[in-house]
């Protein structure tokens, strides 16, 4: 479903050029079999890209760390070579292992693995490597430790903590901030939507809780990572 209904700039499309008529996904694996099913190609679910000074790497915990490692090495090297990237955020579904994810692919452990990889370690050294996770249906900062680094935003769609809300990462003004807009009841939702529609989100932070507020270190000359 993730591949089919949430099309993304996946790794499978890395070598496609603008205007290409080729499919942006790898359909080489037939997911159907007589008993059970097979996972589609991992490249359909992993990605890395950059918006402004924020870099992002997305993983899929249904695959093992050894399978994902070559992609991560490439993504970390890419991130380290972006001169205008100040913050790097890892994204994944599982906050705990089980129900499809191995222990080292649940995001707290995965973060520790990636933090030691060449390229990504440069961001970790400056406390500018963060991660976002879901699975357990609650919205809260660092529920598994990793204070200042890990954030769980999964309070949507199913029973859980019931604290629905909108998370937002802000890397403007030489700061990295993680805002959380509580929309867990109709009144709060209507207030937030009305304010943002009228004035833009930056004028509405009185409705938000600030989960993280850190200075972005000054940029230094970076050596190339290959």
Protein backbone atom coordinates (compact mmCIF):
# COMPACT_ATOMS: atom_id res chain seq x y z
CA UNK A 1 0.00 0.00 0.00
CA UNK A 2 2.81 2.43 0.84
CA UNK A 3 4.26 2.05 -2.64
CA UNK A 4 0.94 2.15 -4.44
CA UNK A 5 -0.89 4.92 -2.61
CA UNK A 6 1.93 7.18 -1.45
CA UNK A 7 4.07 7.78 -4.51
CA UNK A 8 7.41 9.31 -3.57
CA UNK A 9 10.79 10.23 -4.96
CA UNK A 10 12.08 6.73 -4.36
CA UNK A 11 15.56 5.36 -4.87
CA UNK A 12 14.21 3.23 -7.72
CA UNK A 13 13.79 6.41 -9.78
CA UNK A 14 17.31 7.69 -9.11
CA UNK A 15 18.56 7.33 -12.69
CA UNK A 16 15.43 8.57 -14.47
CA UNK A 17 15.67 11.89 -16.24
CA UNK A 18 13.08 14.65 -16.56
CA UNK A 19 10.49 13.65 -19.15
CA UNK A 20 11.24 9.96 -18.91
CA UNK A 21 8.29 7.66 -19.61
CA UNK A 22 9.76 4.79 -17.58
CA UNK A 23 8.05 3.73 -14.36
CA UNK A 24 9.54 5.35 -11.24
CA UNK A 25 9.31 2.03 -9.38
CA UNK A 26 10.99 -1.36 -9.68
CA UNK A 27 8.36 -3.94 -10.60
CA UNK A 28 10.84 -6.79 -11.11
CA UNK A 29 9.57 -8.73 -8.07
CA UNK A 30 6.09 -10.19 -8.24
CA UNK A 31 4.73 -9.84 -4.68
CA UNK A 32 2.23 -12.66 -5.11
CA UNK A 33 3.03 -16.28 -4.46
CA UNK A 34 1.10 -19.41 -3.67
CA UNK A 35 1.57 -19.11 0.09
CA UNK A 36 1.91 -15.67 1.65
CA UNK A 37 3.53 -12.84 -0.23
CA UNK A 38 6.91 -11.44 -1.19
CA UNK A 39 8.17 -7.94 -0.50
CA UNK A 40 8.54 -5.66 -3.49
CA UNK A 41 12.02 -4.32 -4.27
CA UNK A 42 13.45 -2.28 -1.40
CA UNK A 43 14.38 0.57 -3.76
CA UNK A 44 10.68 1.44 -4.02
CA UNK A 45 10.54 2.45 -0.37
CA UNK A 46 13.84 4.17 0.43
CA UNK A 47 14.91 7.68 -0.51
CA UNK A 48 17.07 10.67 0.29
CA UNK A 49 16.66 14.31 -0.67
CA UNK A 50 17.05 17.88 0.52
CA UNK A 51 14.74 20.86 1.06
CA UNK A 52 16.55 24.08 1.90
CA UNK A 53 19.15 23.34 4.58
CA UNK A 54 17.36 20.17 5.71
CA UNK A 55 18.45 16.73 4.49
CA UNK A 56 16.24 13.66 4.78
CA UNK A 57 16.85 9.92 4.54
CA UNK A 58 13.93 7.48 4.50
CA UNK A 59 14.22 3.80 5.37
CA UNK A 60 11.89 0.80 5.37
CA UNK A 61 12.12 -1.37 8.46
CA UNK A 62 10.66 -4.39 6.67
CA UNK A 63 14.14 -5.00 5.25
CA UNK A 64 17.28 -5.89 7.17
CA UNK A 65 20.12 -3.55 8.03
CA UNK A 66 22.59 -5.53 5.91
CA UNK A 67 20.27 -5.14 2.90
CA UNK A 68 19.96 -1.40 3.52
CA UNK A 69 23.58 -0.65 4.39
CA UNK A 70 24.88 0.08 0.84
CA UNK A 71 22.07 2.59 0.32
CA UNK A 72 22.80 4.21 3.69
CA UNK A 73 26.49 4.51 2.91
CA UNK A 74 25.62 6.28 -0.32
CA UNK A 75 23.05 8.54 1.34
CA UNK A 76 25.40 9.51 4.19
CA UNK A 77 28.21 10.32 1.74
CA UNK A 78 25.80 12.43 -0.30
CA UNK A 79 24.62 14.33 2.78
CA UNK A 80 28.13 15.10 3.94
CA UNK A 81 28.98 16.61 0.55
CA UNK A 82 26.05 19.07 0.54
CA UNK A 83 27.62 22.37 1.57
CA UNK A 84 24.28 24.01 2.36
CA UNK A 85 22.87 21.16 4.48
CA UNK A 86 22.79 21.91 8.22
CA UNK A 87 20.40 19.30 9.64
CA UNK A 88 19.86 15.67 8.66
CA UNK A 89 16.68 13.79 9.65
CA UNK A 90 16.08 10.04 9.40
CA UNK A 91 12.53 8.82 8.78
CA UNK A 92 11.11 5.38 9.47
CA UNK A 93 7.94 3.67 10.63
CA UNK A 94 8.83 1.41 13.57
CA UNK A 95 9.72 2.77 17.01
CA UNK A 96 10.04 -0.77 18.42
CA UNK A 97 11.02 -4.06 16.86
CA UNK A 98 8.55 -6.78 15.99
CA UNK A 99 5.49 -6.84 13.72
CA UNK A 100 7.78 -6.72 10.70
CA UNK A 101 10.91 -4.90 11.88
CA UNK A 102 14.16 -6.37 13.12
CA UNK A 103 15.70 -4.83 16.21
CA UNK A 104 18.34 -2.79 14.42
CA UNK A 105 15.76 -1.39 11.98
CA UNK A 106 13.48 0.06 14.66
CA UNK A 107 14.33 3.74 14.60
CA UNK A 108 16.13 4.23 17.95
CA UNK A 109 18.61 1.44 17.15
CA UNK A 110 18.72 2.39 13.46
CA UNK A 111 19.62 5.96 14.43
CA UNK A 112 22.59 4.68 16.45
CA UNK A 113 23.77 2.59 13.50
CA UNK A 114 23.52 5.48 11.04
CA UNK A 115 25.12 7.96 13.45
CA UNK A 116 28.36 5.97 13.22
CA UNK A 117 28.44 5.84 9.40
CA UNK A 118 30.92 8.06 7.51
CA UNK A 119 29.16 11.22 6.42
CA UNK A 120 26.24 10.96 8.80
CA UNK A 121 28.68 10.96 11.70
CA UNK A 122 29.53 14.57 10.83
CA UNK A 123 25.96 15.60 11.62
CA UNK A 124 25.86 13.47 14.75
CA UNK A 125 29.03 15.16 16.02
CA UNK A 126 27.21 18.50 15.91
CA UNK A 127 23.95 17.08 17.34
CA UNK A 128 22.34 17.81 14.01
CA UNK A 129 21.28 14.22 13.24
CA UNK A 130 17.63 13.65 14.22
CA UNK A 131 15.04 10.95 13.59
CA UNK A 132 11.26 10.66 13.30
CA UNK A 133 9.34 7.44 13.92
CA UNK A 134 5.80 6.12 14.15
CA UNK A 135 4.11 2.74 14.71
CA UNK A 136 3.01 3.17 18.36
CA UNK A 137 0.04 5.52 17.98
CA UNK A 138 1.22 8.39 20.14
CA UNK A 139 2.72 11.81 19.53
CA UNK A 140 5.56 12.54 21.93
CA UNK A 141 9.23 13.54 21.88
CA UNK A 142 11.97 10.98 22.65
CA UNK A 143 9.83 8.20 24.19
CA UNK A 144 12.76 5.77 23.98
CA UNK A 145 15.50 8.07 25.21
CA UNK A 146 17.64 9.79 22.56
CA UNK A 147 16.62 13.12 24.09
CA UNK A 148 16.89 15.94 21.57
CA UNK A 149 17.20 13.52 18.67
CA UNK A 150 14.15 11.23 18.38
CA UNK A 151 10.50 12.17 17.92
CA UNK A 152 7.44 9.92 17.66
CA UNK A 153 4.59 11.25 15.54
CA UNK A 154 2.11 8.41 15.13
CA UNK A 155 -1.08 9.60 16.80
CA UNK A 156 -3.18 9.33 13.66
CA UNK A 157 -5.89 7.02 12.45
CA UNK A 158 -5.96 4.26 15.07
CA UNK A 159 -6.48 3.88 18.80
CA UNK A 160 -3.51 4.83 20.92
CA UNK A 161 -2.74 7.82 23.09
CA UNK A 162 -5.47 9.83 21.36
CA UNK A 163 -3.28 12.93 21.14
CA UNK A 164 -3.77 13.86 17.50
CA UNK A 165 -1.65 16.72 16.25
CA UNK A 166 0.52 18.20 13.52
CA UNK A 167 4.33 18.07 13.80
CA UNK A 168 6.53 20.56 11.98
CA UNK A 169 10.30 20.80 11.56
CA UNK A 170 11.63 24.36 11.25
CA UNK A 171 15.26 25.07 10.29
CA UNK A 172 15.02 28.82 9.75
CA UNK A 173 16.85 31.61 11.62
CA UNK A 174 19.90 29.42 12.35
CA UNK A 175 17.79 27.19 14.59
CA UNK A 176 16.38 23.69 14.37
CA UNK A 177 12.97 23.57 16.02
CA UNK A 178 10.37 20.85 16.28
CA UNK A 179 6.91 22.33 16.75
CA UNK A 180 3.87 20.27 17.68
CA UNK A 181 0.37 21.67 17.07
CA UNK A 182 -2.14 19.86 19.28
CA UNK A 183 -5.37 19.20 17.34
CA UNK A 184 -6.75 16.48 19.59
CA UNK A 185 -10.24 17.96 19.80
CA UNK A 186 -12.47 19.92 17.43
CA UNK A 187 -11.93 23.28 19.12
CA UNK A 188 -8.14 23.03 18.94
CA UNK A 189 -8.26 21.79 15.38
CA UNK A 190 -10.50 24.64 14.26
CA UNK A 191 -8.34 27.23 16.03
CA UNK A 192 -5.14 25.96 14.44
CA UNK A 193 -6.62 25.65 10.95
CA UNK A 194 -8.19 29.10 11.13
CA UNK A 195 -4.98 30.75 12.31
CA UNK A 196 -2.71 29.02 9.79
CA UNK A 197 -5.13 29.72 6.94
CA UNK A 198 -5.34 33.35 7.91
CA UNK A 199 -1.79 34.19 8.96
CA UNK A 200 0.56 31.31 8.07
CA UNK A 201 1.98 28.84 10.57
CA UNK A 202 4.83 31.05 11.83
CA UNK A 203 2.30 33.47 13.26
CA UNK A 204 0.47 30.64 15.03
CA UNK A 205 3.12 29.07 17.21
CA UNK A 206 1.21 30.14 20.32
CA UNK A 207 -0.95 27.09 19.54
CA UNK A 208 2.10 24.80 19.43
CA UNK A 209 4.41 23.09 21.90
CA UNK A 210 8.11 23.47 21.19
CA UNK A 211 9.64 20.01 21.43
CA UNK A 212 13.11 21.08 20.29
CA UNK A 213 14.91 24.42 20.06
CA UNK A 214 18.62 24.21 19.21
CA UNK A 215 21.12 26.50 17.56
CA UNK A 216 22.51 25.29 14.23
CA UNK A 217 26.33 25.33 14.46
CA UNK A 218 28.24 27.51 12.04
CA UNK A 219 29.13 25.78 8.80
CA UNK A 220 32.67 24.55 8.39
CA UNK A 221 34.60 23.61 5.29
CA UNK A 222 33.82 19.97 4.64
CA UNK A 223 36.07 17.34 3.17
CA UNK A 224 34.56 15.18 0.47
CA UNK A 225 33.14 11.81 1.57
CA UNK A 226 33.15 9.02 -1.01
